[in-house]
Each structure stands twice: as C-alpha cells, then as structure tokens.
Amino acid sequence: MSQTLFTAQLGRGQMRIEVANRRDLAFILTCDTDRKGSMYWLELPRRYQTARGAKLAAARIVGEPVKWQTPPEAE
C-alpha cells in the first residue's frame, strides 16, 4: 500500500499525493471516489517524478491554488 504524504480537501472530494514503489515516477496524485465508484476528477490517478510536480498538476486540474496538509500518520 502507498504512503500518503499530503492531502487536500476540495469540496466533497479529497486529493492525495502518495509515494509509489517506483523509481522513475515515485509520486501518485489521486483522489476519492464518488458513491458510484468513479473518481471525482476524471484525470486522476497520475504519476509524477516529484511531489512538487504533483502539487502543480493538482492546481492546474482544479483551476485554483490547493492548500495541502500533512496527514497525522505521516508526521
């Protein structure tokens, strides 16, 4: 299972940046699913080389700056 580094609450959905066990694309930008099982953002999940790249992509997908928080278990 992936370790969650950052979370952001956006409306009813939540975005997460997780660490993957891959060397080339180590970070995954993903989100919650709705009650039907579909992703809140159809563009997700995606993989990135850096956490900063995942954060910038999230802001581009949402269309506004995203406030990221560290989950309690990652501190």
Protein backbone atom coordinates (compact mmCIF):
# COMPACT_ATOMS: atom_id res chain seq x y z
CA MET A 1 0.00 0.00 0.00
CA SER A 2 1.17 3.54 -0.73
CA GLN A 3 2.09 6.04 1.96
CA THR A 4 0.13 9.31 1.87
CA LEU A 5 2.35 12.41 2.05
CA PHE A 6 -0.18 15.22 1.54
CA THR A 7 -3.96 15.60 1.47
CA ALA A 8 -6.24 18.44 0.35
CA GLN A 9 -9.99 18.72 0.91
CA LEU A 10 -11.70 20.23 -2.15
CA GLY A 11 -15.47 20.42 -1.90
CA ARG A 12 -16.79 16.90 -1.39
CA GLY A 13 -13.65 15.24 -2.74
CA GLN A 14 -10.17 14.81 -1.36
CA MET A 15 -6.91 14.78 -3.33
CA ARG A 16 -3.88 12.86 -2.10
CA ILE A 17 -0.21 12.69 -3.02
CA GLU A 18 1.13 9.22 -2.28
CA VAL A 19 4.56 7.62 -2.56
CA ALA A 20 4.73 4.74 -5.03
CA ASN A 21 7.30 1.98 -5.04
CA ARG A 22 8.72 3.02 -8.41
CA ARG A 23 12.00 4.73 -9.14
CA ASP A 24 11.04 6.63 -12.31
CA LEU A 25 7.65 8.07 -11.27
CA ALA A 26 7.67 7.98 -7.50
CA PHE A 27 4.61 10.12 -6.65
CA ILE A 28 0.93 9.44 -7.36
CA LEU A 29 -1.70 12.18 -7.45
CA THR A 30 -5.03 10.52 -6.72
CA CYS A 31 -8.45 11.34 -5.28
CA ASP A 32 -11.53 9.87 -3.62
CA THR A 33 -14.34 8.20 -5.49
CA ASP A 34 -17.99 9.17 -5.51
CA ARG A 35 -20.81 6.85 -4.46
CA LYS A 36 -20.86 5.21 -7.91
CA GLY A 37 -17.14 4.38 -7.72
CA SER A 38 -15.99 6.99 -10.24
CA MET A 39 -13.10 9.32 -9.49
CA TYR A 40 -14.11 12.88 -8.56
CA TRP A 41 -11.59 14.11 -11.14
CA LEU A 42 -11.51 12.02 -14.31
CA GLU A 43 -7.85 12.96 -14.96
CA LEU A 44 -6.69 11.04 -11.88
CA PRO A 45 -4.75 8.96 -10.85
CA ARG A 46 -1.48 10.18 -12.41
CA ARG A 47 2.19 9.59 -11.60
CA TYR A 48 4.89 12.25 -11.24
CA GLN A 49 8.64 12.34 -10.64
CA THR A 50 8.43 14.92 -7.82
CA ALA A 51 5.91 15.90 -5.15
CA ARG A 52 6.15 19.49 -6.39
CA GLY A 53 5.13 18.36 -9.88
CA ALA A 54 2.11 16.56 -8.42
CA LYS A 55 1.12 19.69 -6.46
CA LEU A 56 1.38 21.90 -9.55
CA ALA A 57 -0.69 19.42 -11.59
CA ALA A 58 -3.39 19.38 -8.90
CA ALA A 59 -3.63 23.18 -9.02
CA ARG A 60 -3.91 23.03 -12.81
CA ILE A 61 -6.65 20.35 -12.68
CA VAL A 62 -8.68 22.21 -10.04
CA GLY A 63 -8.05 25.65 -11.54
CA GLU A 64 -7.03 27.34 -8.28
CA PRO A 65 -4.30 27.04 -5.62
CA VAL A 66 -4.62 23.97 -3.41
CA LYS A 67 -3.90 24.01 0.35
CA TRP A 68 -2.02 20.82 1.18
CA GLN A 69 -1.89 19.31 4.66
CA THR A 70 0.22 16.53 6.10
CA PRO A 71 -1.94 13.67 7.41
CA PRO A 72 -1.43 12.81 11.12
CA GLU A 73 0.11 9.38 10.44
CA ALA A 74 2.81 10.89 8.16
CA GLU A 75 4.14 13.35 10.75
